Amino acid sequence: MSVPGKRLSRSKGRRRRSQQHTKKVALAICVQCGKAVMPHRVCTNCGHYNGREVIKVSLPKKNRTKKTNS
């Protein structure tokens, strides 16, 4: 393993590490359902991307309506 030739000063090391911060995730609004989604991704709520249905998303059990025999 290589060993640094000279010790870095505090300011030099901190200046380098200042660029390693995380950035906010930019969110887009789904045109179909209005939920926040990551850009260029299929909406997990409704399954639409770019104005068309890409995947079929089934409703969760609690949101399904019960069919009655009538």
PDB file of N, CA and C in Angstrom:
ATOM      1  N   MET A   1       0.840  -1.186   0.000  1.00  0.00           N
ATOM      2  CA  MET A   1       0.000   0.000   0.000  1.00  0.00           C
ATOM      3  C   MET A   1       0.877   1.239   0.000  1.00  0.00           C
ATOM      4  N   SER A   2       0.394   2.242  -0.704  1.00  0.00           N
ATOM      5  CA  SER A   2       1.166   3.476  -0.736  1.00  0.00           C
ATOM      6  C   SER A   2       0.830   4.326   0.484  1.00  0.00           C
ATOM      7  N   VAL A   3       1.776   5.125   0.864  1.00  0.00           N
ATOM      8  CA  VAL A   3       1.629   5.990   2.027  1.00  0.00           C
ATOM      9  C   VAL A   3       1.758   7.433   1.548  1.00  0.00           C
ATOM     10  N   PRO A   4       0.903   8.347   2.044  1.00  0.00           N
ATOM     11  CA  PRO A   4       1.009   9.741   1.618  1.00  0.00           C
ATOM     12  C   PRO A   4       2.392  10.311   1.934  1.00  0.00           C
ATOM     13  N   GLY A   5       2.934  11.082   1.010  1.00  0.00           N
ATOM     14  CA  GLY A   5       4.257  11.662   1.211  1.00  0.00           C
ATOM     15  C   GLY A   5       4.250  12.722   2.290  1.00  0.00           C
ATOM     16  N   LYS A   6       3.228  13.582   2.272  1.00  0.00           N
ATOM     17  CA  LYS A   6       3.151  14.663   3.256  1.00  0.00           C
ATOM     18  C   LYS A   6       1.747  14.723   3.840  1.00  0.00           C
ATOM     19  N   ARG A   7       1.663  15.202   5.039  1.00  0.00           N
ATOM     20  CA  ARG A   7       0.371  15.334   5.705  1.00  0.00           C
ATOM     21  C   ARG A   7      -0.388  16.517   5.106  1.00  0.00           C
ATOM     22  N   LEU A   8      -1.690  16.324   4.869  1.00  0.00           N
ATOM     23  CA  LEU A   8      -2.518  17.412   4.360  1.00  0.00           C
ATOM     24  C   LEU A   8      -2.929  18.321   5.506  1.00  0.00           C
ATOM     25  N   SER A   9      -3.017  19.597   5.220  1.00  0.00           N
ATOM     26  CA  SER A   9      -3.493  20.531   6.236  1.00  0.00           C
ATOM     27  C   SER A   9      -4.996  20.326   6.439  1.00  0.00           C
ATOM     28  N   ARG A  10      -5.536  20.833   7.538  1.00  0.00           N
ATOM     29  CA  ARG A  10      -6.967  20.684   7.827  1.00  0.00           C
ATOM     30  C   ARG A  10      -7.809  21.350   6.751  1.00  0.00           C
ATOM     31  N   SER A  11      -7.407  22.522   6.332  1.00  0.00           N
ATOM     32  CA  SER A  11      -8.212  23.248   5.345  1.00  0.00           C
ATOM     33  C   SER A  11      -8.220  22.530   4.000  1.00  0.00           C
ATOM     34  N   LYS A  12      -7.107  21.936   3.613  1.00  0.00           N
ATOM     35  CA  LYS A  12      -7.035  21.231   2.338  1.00  0.00           C
ATOM     36  C   LYS A  12      -7.952  20.003   2.356  1.00  0.00           C
ATOM     37  N   GLY A  13      -7.916  19.236   3.431  1.00  0.00           N
ATOM     38  CA  GLY A  13      -8.768  18.059   3.542  1.00  0.00           C
ATOM     39  C   GLY A  13     -10.231  18.424   3.636  1.00  0.00           C
ATOM     40  N   ARG A  14     -10.563  19.458   4.378  1.00  0.00           N
ATOM     41  CA  ARG A  14     -11.960  19.881   4.521  1.00  0.00           C
ATOM     42  C   ARG A  14     -12.489  20.462   3.223  1.00  0.00           C
ATOM     43  N   ARG A  15     -11.643  21.152   2.485  1.00  0.00           N
ATOM     44  CA  ARG A  15     -12.049  21.702   1.197  1.00  0.00           C
ATOM     45  C   ARG A  15     -12.384  20.574   0.221  1.00  0.00           C
ATOM     46  N   ARG A  16     -11.612  19.512   0.236  1.00  0.00           N
ATOM     47  CA  ARG A  16     -11.887  18.371  -0.623  1.00  0.00           C
ATOM     48  C   ARG A  16     -13.189  17.686  -0.209  1.00  0.00           C
ATOM     49  N   ARG A  17     -13.392  17.488   1.086  1.00  0.00           N
ATOM     50  CA  ARG A  17     -14.598  16.808   1.570  1.00  0.00           C
ATOM     51  C   ARG A  17     -15.852  17.649   1.425  1.00  0.00           C
ATOM     52  N   SER A  18     -15.728  18.938   1.227  1.00  0.00           N
ATOM     53  CA  SER A  18     -16.902  19.798   1.102  1.00  0.00           C
ATOM     54  C   SER A  18     -17.695  19.472  -0.160  1.00  0.00           C
ATOM     55  N   GLN A  19     -17.080  18.805  -1.134  1.00  0.00           N
ATOM     56  CA  GLN A  19     -17.759  18.459  -2.379  1.00  0.00           C
ATOM     57  C   GLN A  19     -18.512  17.137  -2.283  1.00  0.00           C
ATOM     58  N   GLN A  20     -18.401  16.439  -1.157  1.00  0.00           N
ATOM     59  CA  GLN A  20     -18.995  15.115  -1.028  1.00  0.00           C
ATOM     60  C   GLN A  20     -20.395  15.129  -0.422  1.00  0.00           C
ATOM     61  N   HIS A  21     -21.008  16.291  -0.344  1.00  0.00           N
ATOM     62  CA  HIS A  21     -22.326  16.373   0.282  1.00  0.00           C
ATOM     63  C   HIS A  21     -23.383  15.745  -0.620  1.00  0.00           C
ATOM     64  N   THR A  22     -24.519  15.376  -0.034  1.00  0.00           N
ATOM     65  CA  THR A  22     -25.607  14.791  -0.805  1.00  0.00           C
ATOM     66  C   THR A  22     -26.516  15.897  -1.309  1.00  0.00           C
ATOM     67  N   LYS A  23     -27.185  15.619  -2.408  1.00  0.00           N
ATOM     68  CA  LYS A  23     -28.079  16.601  -3.009  1.00  0.00           C
ATOM     69  C   LYS A  23     -29.518  16.171  -2.797  1.00  0.00           C
ATOM     70  N   LYS A  24     -30.430  17.126  -2.821  1.00  0.00           N
ATOM     71  CA  LYS A  24     -31.841  16.823  -2.705  1.00  0.00           C
ATOM     72  C   LYS A  24     -32.300  16.040  -3.926  1.00  0.00           C
ATOM     73  N   VAL A  25     -33.218  15.115  -3.710  1.00  0.00           N
ATOM     74  CA  VAL A  25     -33.770  14.347  -4.809  1.00  0.00           C
ATOM     75  C   VAL A  25     -34.871  15.187  -5.445  1.00  0.00           C
ATOM     76  N   ALA A  26     -34.754  15.409  -6.747  1.00  0.00           N
ATOM     77  CA  ALA A  26     -35.765  16.176  -7.461  1.00  0.00           C
ATOM     78  C   ALA A  26     -36.950  15.263  -7.753  1.00  0.00           C
ATOM     79  N   LEU A  27     -38.127  15.657  -7.349  1.00  0.00           N
ATOM     80  CA  LEU A  27     -39.317  14.852  -7.591  1.00  0.00           C
ATOM     81  C   LEU A  27     -40.204  15.520  -8.628  1.00  0.00           C
ATOM     82  N   ALA A  28     -40.857  14.724  -9.427  1.00  0.00           N
ATOM     83  CA  ALA A  28     -41.816  15.202 -10.413  1.00  0.00           C
ATOM     84  C   ALA A  28     -43.211  14.772  -9.960  1.00  0.00           C
ATOM     85  N   ILE A  29     -44.221  15.398 -10.521  1.00  0.00           N
ATOM     86  CA  ILE A  29     -45.599  15.064 -10.190  1.00  0.00           C
ATOM     87  C   ILE A  29     -46.165  14.189 -11.312  1.00  0.00           C
ATOM     88  N   CYS A  30     -46.766  13.076 -10.936  1.00  0.00           N
ATOM     89  CA  CYS A  30     -47.397  12.185 -11.905  1.00  0.00           C
ATOM     90  C   CYS A  30     -48.607  12.893 -12.507  1.00  0.00           C
ATOM     91  N   VAL A  31     -48.689  12.915 -13.822  1.00  0.00           N
ATOM     92  CA  VAL A  31     -49.779  13.603 -14.509  1.00  0.00           C
ATOM     93  C   VAL A  31     -51.105  12.890 -14.277  1.00  0.00           C
ATOM     94  N   GLN A  32     -51.063  11.573 -14.159  1.00  0.00           N
ATOM     95  CA  GLN A  32     -52.273  10.774 -14.049  1.00  0.00           C
ATOM     96  C   GLN A  32     -52.891  10.855 -12.649  1.00  0.00           C
ATOM     97  N   CYS A  33     -52.078  10.605 -11.607  1.00  0.00           N
ATOM     98  CA  CYS A  33     -52.646  10.501 -10.256  1.00  0.00           C
ATOM     99  C   CYS A  33     -52.215  11.644  -9.328  1.00  0.00           C
ATOM    100  N   GLY A  34     -51.192  12.414  -9.684  1.00  0.00           N
ATOM    101  CA  GLY A  34     -50.795  13.558  -8.875  1.00  0.00           C
ATOM    102  C   GLY A  34     -49.815  13.238  -7.758  1.00  0.00           C
ATOM    103  N   LYS A  35     -49.323  12.012  -7.677  1.00  0.00           N
ATOM    104  CA  LYS A  35     -48.355  11.633  -6.648  1.00  0.00           C
ATOM    105  C   LYS A  35     -46.963  12.085  -7.051  1.00  0.00           C
ATOM    106  N   ALA A  36     -46.081  12.251  -6.070  1.00  0.00           N
ATOM    107  CA  ALA A  36     -44.690  12.611  -6.338  1.00  0.00           C
ATOM    108  C   ALA A  36     -43.912  11.358  -6.722  1.00  0.00           C
ATOM    109  N   VAL A  37     -43.209  11.416  -7.848  1.00  0.00           N
ATOM    110  CA  VAL A  37     -42.405  10.301  -8.333  1.00  0.00           C
ATOM    111  C   VAL A  37     -41.038  10.822  -8.760  1.00  0.00           C
ATOM    112  N   MET A  38     -40.059   9.936  -8.794  1.00  0.00           N
ATOM    113  CA  MET A  38     -38.753  10.318  -9.297  1.00  0.00           C
ATOM    114  C   MET A  38     -38.848  10.506 -10.807  1.00  0.00           C
ATOM    115  N   PRO A  39     -38.128  11.474 -11.360  1.00  0.00           N
ATOM    116  CA  PRO A  39     -38.225  11.715 -12.798  1.00  0.00           C
ATOM    117  C   PRO A  39     -37.720  10.521 -13.613  1.00  0.00           C
ATOM    118  N   HIS A  40     -38.319  10.310 -14.786  1.00  0.00           N
ATOM    119  CA  HIS A  40     -37.975   9.232 -15.717  1.00  0.00           C
ATOM    120  C   HIS A  40     -38.182   7.853 -15.106  1.00  0.00           C
ATOM    121  N   ARG A  41     -39.173   7.726 -14.230  1.00  0.00           N
ATOM    122  CA  ARG A  41     -39.526   6.439 -13.627  1.00  0.00           C
ATOM    123  C   ARG A  41     -41.036   6.225 -13.782  1.00  0.00           C
ATOM    124  N   VAL A  42     -41.446   4.978 -13.792  1.00  0.00           N
ATOM    125  CA  VAL A  42     -42.867   4.641 -13.835  1.00  0.00           C
ATOM    126  C   VAL A  42     -43.470   4.941 -12.468  1.00  0.00           C
ATOM    127  N   CYS A  43     -44.654   5.513 -12.444  1.00  0.00           N
ATOM    128  CA  CYS A  43     -45.344   5.806 -11.183  1.00  0.00           C
ATOM    129  C   CYS A  43     -45.762   4.488 -10.547  1.00  0.00           C
ATOM    130  N   THR A  44     -45.345   4.277  -9.304  1.00  0.00           N
ATOM    131  CA  THR A  44     -45.693   3.029  -8.621  1.00  0.00           C
ATOM    132  C   THR A  44     -47.140   3.025  -8.150  1.00  0.00           C
ATOM    133  N   ASN A  45     -47.757   4.183  -8.104  1.00  0.00           N
ATOM    134  CA  ASN A  45     -49.135   4.269  -7.632  1.00  0.00           C
ATOM    135  C   ASN A  45     -50.132   3.881  -8.731  1.00  0.00           C
ATOM    136  N   CYS A  46     -49.940   4.415  -9.948  1.00  0.00           N
ATOM    137  CA  CYS A  46     -50.907   4.155 -11.017  1.00  0.00           C
ATOM    138  C   CYS A  46     -50.317   3.379 -12.193  1.00  0.00           C
ATOM    139  N   GLY A  47     -48.990   3.271 -12.302  1.00  0.00           N
ATOM    140  CA  GLY A  47     -48.363   2.498 -13.364  1.00  0.00           C
ATOM    141  C   GLY A  47     -48.216   3.237 -14.678  1.00  0.00           C
ATOM    142  N   HIS A  48     -48.379   4.559 -14.683  1.00  0.00           N
ATOM    143  CA  HIS A  48     -48.276   5.338 -15.912  1.00  0.00           C
ATOM    144  C   HIS A  48     -46.898   5.965 -16.048  1.00  0.00           C
ATOM    145  N   TYR A  49     -46.463   6.129 -17.303  1.00  0.00           N
ATOM    146  CA  TYR A  49     -45.226   6.842 -17.617  1.00  0.00           C
ATOM    147  C   TYR A  49     -45.418   7.534 -18.958  1.00  0.00           C
ATOM    148  N   ASN A  50     -45.121   8.802 -19.003  1.00  0.00           N
ATOM    149  CA  ASN A  50     -45.188   9.592 -20.235  1.00  0.00           C
ATOM    150  C   ASN A  50     -46.585   9.551 -20.858  1.00  0.00           C
ATOM    151  N   GLY A  51     -47.614   9.583 -20.016  1.00  0.00           N
ATOM    152  CA  GLY A  51     -48.987   9.656 -20.487  1.00  0.00           C
ATOM    153  C   GLY A  51     -49.615   8.344 -20.900  1.00  0.00           C
ATOM    154  N   ARG A  52     -48.937   7.214 -20.710  1.00  0.00           N
ATOM    155  CA  ARG A  52     -49.535   5.936 -21.072  1.00  0.00           C
ATOM    156  C   ARG A  52     -49.292   4.920 -19.965  1.00  0.00           C
ATOM    157  N   GLU A  53     -50.170   3.914 -19.912  1.00  0.00           N
ATOM    158  CA  GLU A  53     -50.057   2.889 -18.880  1.00  0.00           C
ATOM    159  C   GLU A  53     -48.973   1.892 -19.282  1.00  0.00           C
ATOM    160  N   VAL A  54     -47.968   1.745 -18.445  1.00  0.00           N
ATOM    161  CA  VAL A  54     -46.849   0.863 -18.735  1.00  0.00           C
ATOM    162  C   VAL A  54     -46.997  -0.458 -18.001  1.00  0.00           C
ATOM    163  N   ILE A  55     -47.390  -0.393 -16.723  1.00  0.00           N
ATOM    164  CA  ILE A  55     -47.599  -1.607 -15.943  1.00  0.00           C
ATOM    165  C   ILE A  55     -48.978  -1.562 -15.317  1.00  0.00           C
ATOM    166  N   LYS A  56     -49.534  -2.726 -15.086  1.00  0.00           N
ATOM    167  CA  LYS A  56     -50.833  -2.789 -14.407  1.00  0.00           C
ATOM    168  C   LYS A  56     -50.587  -2.885 -12.916  1.00  0.00           C
ATOM    169  N   VAL A  57     -51.203  -1.991 -12.176  1.00  0.00           N
ATOM    170  CA  VAL A  57     -51.047  -1.959 -10.728  1.00  0.00           C
ATOM    171  C   VAL A  57     -52.367  -2.368 -10.108  1.00  0.00           C
ATOM    172  N   SER A  58     -52.328  -3.399  -9.272  1.00  0.00           N
ATOM    173  CA  SER A  58     -53.551  -3.827  -8.602  1.00  0.00           C
ATOM    174  C   SER A  58     -53.755  -2.991  -7.353  1.00  0.00           C
ATOM    175  N   LEU A  59     -54.998  -2.802  -6.982  1.00  0.00           N
ATOM    176  CA  LEU A  59     -55.322  -2.020  -5.792  1.00  0.00           C
ATOM    177  C   LEU A  59     -54.999  -2.812  -4.538  1.00  0.00           C
ATOM    178  N   PRO A  60     -54.572  -2.142  -3.472  1.00  0.00           N
ATOM    179  CA  PRO A  60     -54.362  -2.853  -2.209  1.00  0.00           C
ATOM    180  C   PRO A  60     -55.676  -3.412  -1.681  1.00  0.00           C
ATOM    181  N   LYS A  61     -55.590  -4.400  -0.807  1.00  0.00           N
ATOM    182  CA  LYS A  61     -56.790  -5.072  -0.302  1.00  0.00           C
ATOM    183  C   LYS A  61     -57.739  -4.116   0.402  1.00  0.00           C
ATOM    184  N   LYS A  62     -57.221  -3.145   1.124  1.00  0.00           N
ATOM    185  CA  LYS A  62     -58.098  -2.258   1.884  1.00  0.00           C
ATOM    186  C   LYS A  62     -58.884  -1.301   0.984  1.00  0.00           C
ATOM    187  N   ASN A  63     -58.408  -1.064  -0.252  1.00  0.00           N
ATOM    188  CA  ASN A  63     -59.096  -0.133  -1.147  1.00  0.00           C
ATOM    189  C   ASN A  63     -60.031  -0.829  -2.123  1.00  0.00           C
ATOM    190  N   ARG A  64     -60.018  -2.156  -2.157  1.00  0.00           N
ATOM    191  CA  ARG A  64     -60.901  -2.876  -3.067  1.00  0.00           C
ATOM    192  C   ARG A  64     -62.335  -2.783  -2.597  1.00  0.00           C
ATOM    193  N   THR A  65     -63.239  -2.711  -3.554  1.00  0.00           N
ATOM    194  CA  THR A  65     -64.652  -2.680  -3.194  1.00  0.00           C
ATOM    195  C   THR A  65     -65.198  -4.111  -3.219  1.00  0.00           C
ATOM    196  N   LYS A  66     -66.055  -4.409  -2.284  1.00  0.00           N
ATOM    197  CA  LYS A  66     -66.644  -5.744  -2.215  1.00  0.00           C
ATOM    198  C   LYS A  66     -67.809  -5.836  -3.194  1.00  0.00           C
ATOM    199  N   LYS A  67     -67.862  -6.946  -3.914  1.00  0.00           N
ATOM    200  CA  LYS A  67     -68.976  -7.180  -4.829  1.00  0.00           C
ATOM    201  C   LYS A  67     -70.072  -7.909  -4.048  1.00  0.00           C
ATOM    202  N   THR A  68     -71.274  -7.410  -4.222  1.00  0.00           N
ATOM    203  CA  THR A  68     -72.407  -8.047  -3.534  1.00  0.00           C
ATOM    204  C   THR A  68     -73.220  -8.844  -4.542  1.00  0.00           C
ATOM    205  N   ASN A  69     -73.762  -9.908  -4.078  1.00  0.00           N
ATOM    206  CA  ASN A  69     -74.627 -10.724  -4.933  1.00  0.00           C
ATOM    207  C   ASN A  69     -76.018 -10.138  -4.931  1.00  0.00           C
ATOM    208  N   SER A  70     -76.411  -9.539  -6.034  1.00  0.00           N
ATOM    209  CA  SER A  70     -77.759  -8.955  -6.084  1.00  0.00           C
ATOM    210  C   SER A  70     -78.472  -9.328  -7.355  1.00  0.00           C
TER     211      SER A  70
END
